[in-house]
Amino acid sequence: MTSTHPDTPALHADAVRTLTDWRPAEQEQDQLRRDYLAHLDEQPEGLYRACLPAHITASAAVVDPAAGRVLLTLHPKVGMWLQMGGHCEPGDPSLAAAALREAVEESGIPDLTLLTADGVPVPAKLDRHQVRCTGKDRPENTHLDVQYIALAPAGAQALISEESLDLRWFDYDHLPELTDHSVRDLVARARQLTG
């Protein structure tokens, strides 16, 4: 497959490097990591929405560790409270940059930073899930989501974007009912990594 995005080689190389260097302790997460790398090996355009039936996405749990809270968005297509995130775009220099861009756009908080290890943003977890991102009348496809932790300044005020039905801070211990296991796990990891 020939690349249609001029930035694809750099973003693709970053994704491969990020997933190769990140070594999760859990066997399930390591298997997902290897599956994502196989996808990227087979799909030069595997980071973009047009790559079907699966593509890499990037997201971030926006947390205010000082207040013990997480910012979630009520997603209009899914009808559930989720972390900020979405599709990689041409011009994203890295997976981490894509996750941060999405977090800033959807939260309205301009001075977010990603959690790092040795000065480098690292994923907190991976999640593979089915969505209808090409339209509700179209077949489901698979998001291979690379999830980060975005740190908000203490007392940060969020500003809802047009991509959300609602946007709210939730105490780590009082997440809304309309969240799934993946969101709850990501919040628990964020709490552990920032506590």
N, C-alpha and C. Protein backbone atom coordinates (compact mmCIF):
# COMPACT_ATOMS: atom_id res chain seq x y z
N MET A 1 0.84 -1.17 0.00
CA MET A 1 0.00 0.00 0.00
C MET A 1 0.89 1.23 0.00
N THR A 2 0.61 2.18 -0.88
CA THR A 2 1.38 3.41 -0.96
C THR A 2 0.78 4.44 -0.02
N SER A 3 1.62 5.19 0.66
CA SER A 3 1.16 6.20 1.61
C SER A 3 0.52 7.37 0.88
N THR A 4 -0.64 7.81 1.37
CA THR A 4 -1.30 8.98 0.80
C THR A 4 -1.08 10.21 1.67
N HIS A 5 -0.49 10.06 2.83
CA HIS A 5 -0.21 11.18 3.73
C HIS A 5 1.30 11.38 3.79
N PRO A 6 1.78 12.61 3.51
CA PRO A 6 3.23 12.83 3.55
C PRO A 6 3.85 12.62 4.92
N ASP A 7 3.05 12.76 5.99
CA ASP A 7 3.59 12.59 7.35
C ASP A 7 3.54 11.15 7.83
N THR A 8 2.99 10.24 7.03
CA THR A 8 2.80 8.87 7.46
C THR A 8 4.09 8.19 7.89
N PRO A 9 5.20 8.28 7.13
CA PRO A 9 6.40 7.56 7.56
C PRO A 9 6.88 7.97 8.96
N ALA A 10 6.87 9.26 9.28
CA ALA A 10 7.34 9.71 10.60
C ALA A 10 6.40 9.25 11.71
N LEU A 11 5.10 9.42 11.50
CA LEU A 11 4.13 9.01 12.52
C LEU A 11 4.15 7.49 12.68
N HIS A 12 4.23 6.78 11.57
CA HIS A 12 4.30 5.32 11.60
C HIS A 12 5.54 4.85 12.37
N ALA A 13 6.68 5.47 12.07
CA ALA A 13 7.93 5.10 12.76
C ALA A 13 7.82 5.39 14.25
N ASP A 14 7.20 6.52 14.61
CA ASP A 14 7.03 6.83 16.03
C ASP A 14 6.13 5.80 16.70
N ALA A 15 5.04 5.42 16.04
CA ALA A 15 4.13 4.44 16.63
C ALA A 15 4.83 3.10 16.86
N VAL A 16 5.59 2.67 15.87
CA VAL A 16 6.35 1.42 16.01
C VAL A 16 7.35 1.53 17.16
N ARG A 17 8.07 2.64 17.22
CA ARG A 17 9.06 2.85 18.29
C ARG A 17 8.37 2.89 19.66
N THR A 18 7.26 3.62 19.76
CA THR A 18 6.53 3.74 21.02
C THR A 18 6.07 2.38 21.51
N LEU A 19 5.48 1.60 20.62
CA LEU A 19 4.94 0.30 21.02
C LEU A 19 6.04 -0.75 21.22
N THR A 20 7.15 -0.59 20.54
CA THR A 20 8.27 -1.51 20.75
C THR A 20 8.94 -1.25 22.09
N ASP A 21 9.11 0.03 22.42
CA ASP A 21 9.80 0.41 23.66
C ASP A 21 8.95 0.20 24.91
N TRP A 22 7.63 0.34 24.78
CA TRP A 22 6.74 0.21 25.94
C TRP A 22 6.54 -1.27 26.26
N ARG A 23 6.85 -1.66 27.47
CA ARG A 23 6.77 -3.06 27.89
C ARG A 23 5.84 -3.19 29.10
N PRO A 24 4.57 -3.44 28.86
CA PRO A 24 3.64 -3.58 29.99
C PRO A 24 3.89 -4.87 30.76
N ALA A 25 3.57 -4.84 32.03
CA ALA A 25 3.76 -6.01 32.89
C ALA A 25 2.70 -7.08 32.64
N GLU A 26 1.49 -6.66 32.27
CA GLU A 26 0.38 -7.61 32.11
C GLU A 26 0.47 -8.33 30.76
N GLN A 27 0.24 -9.63 30.78
CA GLN A 27 0.32 -10.44 29.56
C GLN A 27 -0.71 -9.99 28.52
N GLU A 28 -1.91 -9.66 28.96
CA GLU A 28 -2.97 -9.21 28.04
C GLU A 28 -2.55 -7.93 27.32
N GLN A 29 -1.97 -6.98 28.06
CA GLN A 29 -1.51 -5.74 27.46
C GLN A 29 -0.34 -5.99 26.51
N ASP A 30 0.54 -6.91 26.86
CA ASP A 30 1.67 -7.21 25.98
C ASP A 30 1.19 -7.87 24.69
N GLN A 31 0.17 -8.71 24.78
CA GLN A 31 -0.38 -9.32 23.57
C GLN A 31 -1.01 -8.26 22.67
N LEU A 32 -1.75 -7.33 23.26
CA LEU A 32 -2.31 -6.23 22.47
C LEU A 32 -1.20 -5.43 21.81
N ARG A 33 -0.14 -5.14 22.55
CA ARG A 33 1.00 -4.41 22.01
C ARG A 33 1.56 -5.12 20.77
N ARG A 34 1.72 -6.43 20.88
CA ARG A 34 2.23 -7.21 19.74
C ARG A 34 1.23 -7.21 18.58
N ASP A 35 -0.06 -7.27 18.89
CA ASP A 35 -1.09 -7.21 17.84
C ASP A 35 -1.05 -5.86 17.12
N TYR A 36 -0.88 -4.78 17.89
CA TYR A 36 -0.81 -3.44 17.28
C TYR A 36 0.42 -3.34 16.37
N LEU A 37 1.55 -3.88 16.83
CA LEU A 37 2.76 -3.85 16.01
C LEU A 37 2.58 -4.66 14.73
N ALA A 38 1.91 -5.80 14.81
CA ALA A 38 1.63 -6.59 13.61
C ALA A 38 0.74 -5.81 12.65
N HIS A 39 -0.25 -5.11 13.19
CA HIS A 39 -1.13 -4.27 12.36
C HIS A 39 -0.30 -3.22 11.63
N LEU A 40 0.59 -2.55 12.35
CA LEU A 40 1.41 -1.51 11.73
C LEU A 40 2.38 -2.09 10.70
N ASP A 41 2.85 -3.31 10.94
CA ASP A 41 3.73 -3.97 9.99
C ASP A 41 3.00 -4.27 8.68
N GLU A 42 1.73 -4.60 8.80
CA GLU A 42 0.92 -4.95 7.62
C GLU A 42 0.28 -3.74 6.95
N GLN A 43 0.11 -2.64 7.69
CA GLN A 43 -0.65 -1.50 7.20
C GLN A 43 0.15 -0.19 7.32
N PRO A 44 0.81 0.25 6.27
CA PRO A 44 1.53 1.52 6.33
C PRO A 44 0.62 2.71 6.70
N GLU A 45 -0.65 2.62 6.33
CA GLU A 45 -1.63 3.68 6.64
C GLU A 45 -2.45 3.32 7.88
N GLY A 46 -1.96 2.39 8.69
CA GLY A 46 -2.73 1.84 9.80
C GLY A 46 -3.02 2.78 10.94
N LEU A 47 -2.58 4.03 10.83
CA LEU A 47 -2.83 5.03 11.87
C LEU A 47 -4.00 5.94 11.52
N TYR A 48 -4.57 5.79 10.35
CA TYR A 48 -5.60 6.72 9.90
C TYR A 48 -6.97 6.07 9.77
N ARG A 49 -7.99 6.90 9.95
CA ARG A 49 -9.39 6.48 9.91
C ARG A 49 -9.73 5.69 8.64
N ALA A 50 -9.11 6.03 7.54
CA ALA A 50 -9.41 5.38 6.26
C ALA A 50 -8.95 3.92 6.23
N CYS A 51 -8.08 3.53 7.12
CA CYS A 51 -7.59 2.14 7.16
C CYS A 51 -8.66 1.28 7.83
N LEU A 52 -9.28 0.45 7.05
CA LEU A 52 -10.33 -0.43 7.55
C LEU A 52 -9.94 -1.88 7.29
N PRO A 53 -10.30 -2.77 8.16
CA PRO A 53 -11.32 -2.65 9.21
C PRO A 53 -10.78 -2.19 10.57
N ALA A 54 -9.49 -1.81 10.66
CA ALA A 54 -8.94 -1.41 11.95
C ALA A 54 -7.91 -0.30 11.76
N HIS A 55 -7.79 0.56 12.77
CA HIS A 55 -6.76 1.60 12.76
C HIS A 55 -6.41 2.00 14.18
N ILE A 56 -5.18 2.51 14.32
CA ILE A 56 -4.69 3.00 15.60
C ILE A 56 -5.37 4.33 15.92
N THR A 57 -5.76 4.51 17.18
CA THR A 57 -6.26 5.79 17.68
C THR A 57 -5.45 6.17 18.91
N ALA A 58 -5.60 7.41 19.37
CA ALA A 58 -4.86 7.89 20.53
C ALA A 58 -5.80 8.62 21.47
N SER A 59 -5.68 8.35 22.76
CA SER A 59 -6.55 9.01 23.73
C SER A 59 -5.79 9.30 25.01
N ALA A 60 -6.43 10.07 25.89
CA ALA A 60 -5.80 10.40 27.17
C ALA A 60 -6.86 10.62 28.24
N ALA A 61 -6.62 10.07 29.39
CA ALA A 61 -7.43 10.38 30.57
C ALA A 61 -6.87 11.68 31.14
N VAL A 62 -7.69 12.73 31.16
CA VAL A 62 -7.28 14.02 31.72
C VAL A 62 -7.56 13.98 33.21
N VAL A 63 -6.50 14.11 34.01
CA VAL A 63 -6.65 14.02 35.45
C VAL A 63 -6.09 15.26 36.14
N ASP A 64 -6.69 15.58 37.27
CA ASP A 64 -6.21 16.62 38.17
C ASP A 64 -5.83 15.88 39.45
N PRO A 65 -4.58 15.40 39.54
CA PRO A 65 -4.18 14.57 40.69
C PRO A 65 -4.35 15.27 42.03
N ALA A 66 -4.13 16.57 42.08
CA ALA A 66 -4.25 17.30 43.34
C ALA A 66 -5.66 17.21 43.91
N ALA A 67 -6.66 17.18 43.03
CA ALA A 67 -8.06 17.11 43.47
C ALA A 67 -8.62 15.69 43.41
N GLY A 68 -7.83 14.74 42.88
CA GLY A 68 -8.30 13.36 42.78
C GLY A 68 -9.49 13.23 41.85
N ARG A 69 -9.39 13.87 40.67
CA ARG A 69 -10.52 13.85 39.74
C ARG A 69 -10.07 13.62 38.31
N VAL A 70 -11.02 13.15 37.50
CA VAL A 70 -10.79 12.88 36.09
C VAL A 70 -11.86 13.61 35.28
N LEU A 71 -11.47 14.12 34.13
CA LEU A 71 -12.39 14.80 33.23
C LEU A 71 -12.87 13.81 32.18
N LEU A 72 -14.18 13.63 32.07
CA LEU A 72 -14.74 12.72 31.07
C LEU A 72 -15.70 13.48 30.16
N THR A 73 -15.81 12.98 28.94
CA THR A 73 -16.71 13.56 27.96
C THR A 73 -17.85 12.60 27.68
N LEU A 74 -19.06 13.13 27.57
CA LEU A 74 -20.21 12.31 27.19
C LEU A 74 -20.22 12.28 25.67
N HIS A 75 -19.81 11.15 25.13
CA HIS A 75 -19.61 11.00 23.68
C HIS A 75 -20.94 10.92 22.96
N PRO A 76 -21.16 11.77 21.94
CA PRO A 76 -22.47 11.78 21.28
C PRO A 76 -22.80 10.51 20.49
N LYS A 77 -21.81 9.85 19.92
CA LYS A 77 -22.09 8.64 19.13
C LYS A 77 -22.25 7.41 20.00
N VAL A 78 -21.53 7.37 21.12
CA VAL A 78 -21.52 6.18 21.97
C VAL A 78 -22.51 6.29 23.13
N GLY A 79 -22.81 7.54 23.56
CA GLY A 79 -23.73 7.75 24.67
C GLY A 79 -23.17 7.32 26.00
N MET A 80 -21.84 7.33 26.12
CA MET A 80 -21.16 6.95 27.36
C MET A 80 -20.11 8.01 27.70
N TRP A 81 -19.74 8.03 28.98
CA TRP A 81 -18.67 8.90 29.44
C TRP A 81 -17.33 8.23 29.12
N LEU A 82 -16.48 8.94 28.38
CA LEU A 82 -15.20 8.41 27.93
C LEU A 82 -14.08 9.40 28.19
N GLN A 83 -12.84 8.92 28.07
CA GLN A 83 -11.68 9.79 28.08
C GLN A 83 -11.64 10.56 26.77
N MET A 84 -10.81 11.58 26.70
CA MET A 84 -10.65 12.36 25.47
C MET A 84 -9.83 11.52 24.48
N GLY A 85 -10.15 11.65 23.20
CA GLY A 85 -9.34 10.92 22.23
C GLY A 85 -9.97 10.87 20.87
N GLY A 86 -9.22 10.30 19.94
CA GLY A 86 -9.74 10.18 18.58
C GLY A 86 -8.70 9.71 17.60
N HIS A 87 -8.92 10.09 16.37
CA HIS A 87 -8.10 9.63 15.25
C HIS A 87 -6.82 10.44 15.11
N CYS A 88 -5.78 9.76 14.66
CA CYS A 88 -4.55 10.45 14.29
C CYS A 88 -4.83 11.25 13.03
N GLU A 89 -4.12 12.37 12.90
CA GLU A 89 -4.31 13.25 11.75
C GLU A 89 -2.97 13.51 11.08
N PRO A 90 -3.02 13.78 9.77
CA PRO A 90 -1.77 14.20 9.11
C PRO A 90 -1.23 15.41 9.86
N GLY A 91 0.04 15.42 10.11
CA GLY A 91 0.64 16.51 10.87
C GLY A 91 0.93 16.14 12.31
N ASP A 92 0.29 15.09 12.84
CA ASP A 92 0.63 14.63 14.18
C ASP A 92 2.03 14.03 14.11
N PRO A 93 2.98 14.57 14.87
CA PRO A 93 4.34 14.02 14.79
C PRO A 93 4.52 12.71 15.54
N SER A 94 3.59 12.41 16.47
CA SER A 94 3.73 11.19 17.27
C SER A 94 2.37 10.78 17.81
N LEU A 95 2.29 9.55 18.30
CA LEU A 95 1.07 9.09 18.96
C LEU A 95 0.78 9.95 20.19
N ALA A 96 1.82 10.25 20.96
CA ALA A 96 1.64 11.08 22.14
C ALA A 96 1.10 12.45 21.76
N ALA A 97 1.62 13.04 20.69
CA ALA A 97 1.14 14.35 20.24
C ALA A 97 -0.32 14.27 19.80
N ALA A 98 -0.71 13.18 19.16
CA ALA A 98 -2.11 13.01 18.76
C ALA A 98 -3.01 12.93 19.99
N ALA A 99 -2.59 12.17 20.99
CA ALA A 99 -3.38 12.05 22.22
C ALA A 99 -3.48 13.40 22.93
N LEU A 100 -2.38 14.13 22.99
CA LEU A 100 -2.39 15.44 23.64
C LEU A 100 -3.26 16.43 22.86
N ARG A 101 -3.15 16.43 21.55
CA ARG A 101 -3.99 17.31 20.71
C ARG A 101 -5.46 17.05 20.98
N GLU A 102 -5.85 15.78 20.96
CA GLU A 102 -7.25 15.43 21.21
C GLU A 102 -7.68 15.86 22.61
N ALA A 103 -6.83 15.65 23.60
CA ALA A 103 -7.17 16.01 24.99
C ALA A 103 -7.36 17.52 25.13
N VAL A 104 -6.48 18.30 24.52
CA VAL A 104 -6.60 19.76 24.59
C VAL A 104 -7.85 20.22 23.85
N GLU A 105 -8.07 19.71 22.64
CA GLU A 105 -9.25 20.11 21.86
C GLU A 105 -10.55 19.80 22.59
N GLU A 106 -10.65 18.60 23.16
CA GLU A 106 -11.91 18.17 23.75
C GLU A 106 -12.11 18.67 25.18
N SER A 107 -11.04 19.02 25.87
CA SER A 107 -11.16 19.50 27.25
C SER A 107 -11.21 21.01 27.36
N GLY A 108 -10.64 21.69 26.37
CA GLY A 108 -10.54 23.13 26.44
C GLY A 108 -9.46 23.61 27.41
N ILE A 109 -8.61 22.70 27.87
CA ILE A 109 -7.52 23.04 28.80
C ILE A 109 -6.23 23.07 28.00
N PRO A 110 -5.68 24.27 27.76
CA PRO A 110 -4.53 24.37 26.86
C PRO A 110 -3.21 23.88 27.43
N ASP A 111 -3.06 23.86 28.76
CA ASP A 111 -1.75 23.55 29.33
C ASP A 111 -1.67 22.16 29.95
N LEU A 112 -2.24 21.19 29.27
CA LEU A 112 -2.11 19.80 29.68
C LEU A 112 -0.71 19.30 29.35
N THR A 113 -0.23 18.34 30.13
CA THR A 113 1.03 17.65 29.82
C THR A 113 0.79 16.15 29.98
N LEU A 114 1.49 15.37 29.19
CA LEU A 114 1.36 13.92 29.31
C LEU A 114 2.31 13.38 30.36
N LEU A 115 1.85 12.36 31.07
CA LEU A 115 2.68 11.66 32.04
C LEU A 115 3.84 11.01 31.29
N THR A 116 5.03 11.12 31.86
CA THR A 116 6.23 10.61 31.19
C THR A 116 6.98 9.62 32.07
N ALA A 117 7.86 8.88 31.44
CA ALA A 117 8.85 8.04 32.12
C ALA A 117 10.19 8.42 31.50
N ASP A 118 11.12 8.83 32.33
CA ASP A 118 12.43 9.29 31.86
C ASP A 118 12.29 10.42 30.83
N GLY A 119 11.30 11.30 31.03
CA GLY A 119 11.11 12.45 30.17
C GLY A 119 10.39 12.18 28.86
N VAL A 120 9.93 10.95 28.65
CA VAL A 120 9.26 10.59 27.40
C VAL A 120 7.82 10.16 27.70
N PRO A 121 6.83 10.73 26.99
CA PRO A 121 5.46 10.27 27.20
C PRO A 121 5.34 8.78 26.88
N VAL A 122 4.67 8.06 27.78
CA VAL A 122 4.49 6.62 27.59
C VAL A 122 3.02 6.26 27.73
N PRO A 123 2.57 5.26 26.98
CA PRO A 123 1.18 4.82 27.15
C PRO A 123 0.93 4.30 28.56
N ALA A 124 -0.31 4.43 28.99
CA ALA A 124 -0.74 3.85 30.26
C ALA A 124 -1.34 2.47 30.01
N LYS A 125 -2.03 2.32 28.87
CA LYS A 125 -2.62 1.03 28.51
C LYS A 125 -3.08 1.08 27.07
N LEU A 126 -3.46 -0.09 26.58
CA LEU A 126 -4.02 -0.24 25.24
C LEU A 126 -5.43 -0.80 25.38
N ASP A 127 -6.29 -0.46 24.41
CA ASP A 127 -7.64 -0.99 24.42
C ASP A 127 -8.12 -1.17 22.98
N ARG A 128 -8.59 -2.38 22.68
CA ARG A 128 -9.15 -2.68 21.35
C ARG A 128 -10.66 -2.74 21.49
N HIS A 129 -11.38 -1.94 20.69
CA HIS A 129 -12.84 -1.94 20.79
C HIS A 129 -13.48 -1.66 19.43
N GLN A 130 -14.73 -2.09 19.31
CA GLN A 130 -15.51 -1.93 18.08
C GLN A 130 -16.26 -0.60 18.12
N VAL A 131 -16.26 0.11 16.99
CA VAL A 131 -16.99 1.38 16.86
C VAL A 131 -17.55 1.51 15.44
N ARG A 132 -18.39 2.48 15.27
CA ARG A 132 -18.90 2.84 13.93
C ARG A 132 -18.43 4.25 13.60
N CYS A 133 -17.13 4.43 13.45
CA CYS A 133 -16.60 5.77 13.22
C CYS A 133 -16.79 6.25 11.79
N THR A 134 -17.17 5.37 10.88
CA THR A 134 -17.40 5.79 9.49
C THR A 134 -18.87 6.07 9.22
N GLY A 135 -19.70 5.98 10.25
CA GLY A 135 -21.12 6.29 10.10
C GLY A 135 -21.99 5.20 10.70
N LYS A 136 -23.15 5.62 11.23
CA LYS A 136 -24.00 4.65 11.92
C LYS A 136 -24.60 3.60 10.99
N ASP A 137 -24.65 3.88 9.70
CA ASP A 137 -25.17 2.90 8.74
C ASP A 137 -24.06 2.07 8.10
N ARG A 138 -22.86 2.26 8.56
CA ARG A 138 -21.70 1.55 8.02
C ARG A 138 -21.31 0.43 8.97
N PRO A 139 -20.56 -0.56 8.47
CA PRO A 139 -20.12 -1.65 9.36
C PRO A 139 -19.21 -1.14 10.47
N GLU A 140 -19.22 -1.88 11.58
CA GLU A 140 -18.30 -1.56 12.67
C GLU A 140 -16.86 -1.77 12.21
N ASN A 141 -15.96 -1.00 12.80
CA ASN A 141 -14.54 -1.23 12.60
C ASN A 141 -13.87 -1.23 13.96
N THR A 142 -12.59 -1.49 13.97
CA THR A 142 -11.87 -1.67 15.23
C THR A 142 -10.92 -0.52 15.49
N HIS A 143 -11.05 0.06 16.68
CA HIS A 143 -10.07 1.04 17.15
C HIS A 143 -9.03 0.31 17.99
N LEU A 144 -7.79 0.51 17.64
CA LEU A 144 -6.66 0.00 18.40
C LEU A 144 -6.13 1.21 19.17
N ASP A 145 -6.71 1.46 20.34
CA ASP A 145 -6.47 2.71 21.06
C ASP A 145 -5.23 2.63 21.94
N VAL A 146 -4.37 3.64 21.80
CA VAL A 146 -3.19 3.80 22.65
C VAL A 146 -3.55 4.91 23.64
N GLN A 147 -3.60 4.57 24.92
CA GLN A 147 -4.13 5.46 25.95
C GLN A 147 -3.02 6.02 26.84
N TYR A 148 -3.06 7.34 27.02
CA TYR A 148 -2.09 8.07 27.83
C TYR A 148 -2.78 8.70 29.03
N ILE A 149 -1.99 9.31 29.90
CA ILE A 149 -2.50 10.08 31.03
C ILE A 149 -2.09 11.53 30.79
N ALA A 150 -3.07 12.44 30.77
CA ALA A 150 -2.79 13.87 30.63
C ALA A 150 -3.01 14.54 31.97
N LEU A 151 -2.02 15.30 32.39
CA LEU A 151 -2.07 15.98 33.68
C LEU A 151 -2.57 17.40 33.50
N ALA A 152 -3.64 17.74 34.23
CA ALA A 152 -4.18 19.09 34.21
C ALA A 152 -3.61 19.86 35.39
N PRO A 153 -3.42 21.17 35.23
CA PRO A 153 -3.00 21.97 36.38
C PRO A 153 -4.07 21.90 37.47
N ALA A 154 -3.65 22.04 38.72
CA ALA A 154 -4.59 22.02 39.84
C ALA A 154 -5.68 23.07 39.61
N GLY A 155 -6.93 22.64 39.78
CA GLY A 155 -8.06 23.56 39.66
C GLY A 155 -8.41 23.94 38.23
N ALA A 156 -7.88 23.24 37.24
CA ALA A 156 -8.15 23.57 35.84
C ALA A 156 -9.65 23.59 35.55
N GLN A 157 -10.04 24.55 34.72
CA GLN A 157 -11.44 24.68 34.29
C GLN A 157 -11.56 24.15 32.86
N ALA A 158 -12.48 23.24 32.66
CA ALA A 158 -12.69 22.66 31.33
C ALA A 158 -13.68 23.52 30.54
N LEU A 159 -13.60 23.44 29.22
CA LEU A 159 -14.49 24.15 28.32
C LEU A 159 -14.99 23.15 27.29
N ILE A 160 -16.29 22.90 27.29
CA ILE A 160 -16.87 21.88 26.40
C ILE A 160 -16.66 22.26 24.94
N SER A 161 -16.42 21.25 24.11
CA SER A 161 -16.26 21.45 22.67
C SER A 161 -17.52 20.93 21.97
N GLU A 162 -17.59 21.19 20.68
CA GLU A 162 -18.74 20.72 19.89
C GLU A 162 -18.74 19.20 19.71
N GLU A 163 -17.62 18.54 20.09
CA GLU A 163 -17.52 17.09 19.94
C GLU A 163 -18.16 16.33 21.10
N SER A 164 -18.71 17.06 22.09
CA SER A 164 -19.20 16.41 23.29
C SER A 164 -20.61 16.86 23.63
N LEU A 165 -21.40 15.95 24.19
CA LEU A 165 -22.72 16.32 24.72
C LEU A 165 -22.59 16.97 26.09
N ASP A 166 -21.58 16.57 26.84
CA ASP A 166 -21.33 17.09 28.17
C ASP A 166 -19.87 16.84 28.51
N LEU A 167 -19.37 17.58 29.45
CA LEU A 167 -17.98 17.47 29.89
C LEU A 167 -17.97 17.77 31.38
N ARG A 168 -17.46 16.81 32.19
CA ARG A 168 -17.50 17.01 33.64
C ARG A 168 -16.30 16.36 34.31
N TRP A 169 -15.95 16.96 35.45
CA TRP A 169 -14.95 16.37 36.34
C TRP A 169 -15.67 15.39 37.26
N PHE A 170 -15.06 14.23 37.47
CA PHE A 170 -15.59 13.23 38.40
C PHE A 170 -14.50 12.82 39.37
N ASP A 171 -14.88 12.68 40.63
CA ASP A 171 -13.97 12.16 41.63
C ASP A 171 -13.59 10.73 41.23
N TYR A 172 -12.34 10.34 41.46
CA TYR A 172 -11.90 8.99 41.11
C TYR A 172 -12.84 7.91 41.66
N ASP A 173 -13.38 8.14 42.84
CA ASP A 173 -14.23 7.15 43.49
C ASP A 173 -15.70 7.25 43.11
N HIS A 174 -16.06 8.21 42.28
CA HIS A 174 -17.47 8.42 41.93
C HIS A 174 -17.65 8.61 40.42
N LEU A 175 -17.18 7.63 39.67
CA LEU A 175 -17.34 7.70 38.21
C LEU A 175 -18.81 7.48 37.86
N PRO A 176 -19.27 8.04 36.75
CA PRO A 176 -20.67 7.87 36.37
C PRO A 176 -20.96 6.42 35.96
N GLU A 177 -22.23 6.05 36.07
CA GLU A 177 -22.63 4.69 35.69
C GLU A 177 -22.33 4.40 34.23
N LEU A 178 -22.53 5.38 33.38
CA LEU A 178 -22.35 5.18 31.94
C LEU A 178 -20.89 5.26 31.52
N THR A 179 -20.07 4.43 32.15
CA THR A 179 -18.68 4.23 31.73
C THR A 179 -18.49 2.73 31.57
N ASP A 180 -17.51 2.36 30.80
CA ASP A 180 -17.25 0.93 30.64
C ASP A 180 -16.01 0.52 31.43
N HIS A 181 -15.71 -0.77 31.37
CA HIS A 181 -14.57 -1.30 32.11
C HIS A 181 -13.26 -0.64 31.69
N SER A 182 -13.12 -0.37 30.41
CA SER A 182 -11.88 0.22 29.91
C SER A 182 -11.62 1.59 30.53
N VAL A 183 -12.66 2.42 30.61
CA VAL A 183 -12.51 3.75 31.21
C VAL A 183 -12.17 3.61 32.69
N ARG A 184 -12.87 2.73 33.38
CA ARG A 184 -12.62 2.55 34.81
C ARG A 184 -11.18 2.05 35.05
N ASP A 185 -10.72 1.16 34.20
CA ASP A 185 -9.35 0.66 34.32
C ASP A 185 -8.34 1.77 34.05
N LEU A 186 -8.59 2.59 33.03
CA LEU A 186 -7.68 3.69 32.71
C LEU A 186 -7.62 4.69 33.86
N VAL A 187 -8.77 5.01 34.45
CA VAL A 187 -8.80 5.94 35.59
C VAL A 187 -8.05 5.35 36.78
N ALA A 188 -8.24 4.06 37.03
CA ALA A 188 -7.52 3.40 38.14
C ALA A 188 -6.01 3.46 37.90
N ARG A 189 -5.59 3.25 36.66
CA ARG A 189 -4.15 3.33 36.34
C ARG A 189 -3.64 4.76 36.52
N ALA A 190 -4.45 5.73 36.09
CA ALA A 190 -4.05 7.12 36.24
C ALA A 190 -3.88 7.47 37.71
N ARG A 191 -4.82 7.02 38.51
CA ARG A 191 -4.76 7.28 39.95
C ARG A 191 -3.50 6.65 40.55
N GLN A 192 -3.21 5.42 40.17
CA GLN A 192 -2.03 4.73 40.69
C GLN A 192 -0.75 5.41 40.24
N LEU A 193 -0.67 5.80 38.97
CA LEU A 193 0.56 6.37 38.41
C LEU A 193 0.81 7.81 38.86
N THR A 194 -0.24 8.52 39.27
CA THR A 194 -0.07 9.92 39.66
C THR A 194 -0.21 10.13 41.16
N GLY A 195 -0.55 9.05 41.90
CA GLY A 195 -0.81 9.19 43.33
C GLY A 195 0.38 9.14 44.13
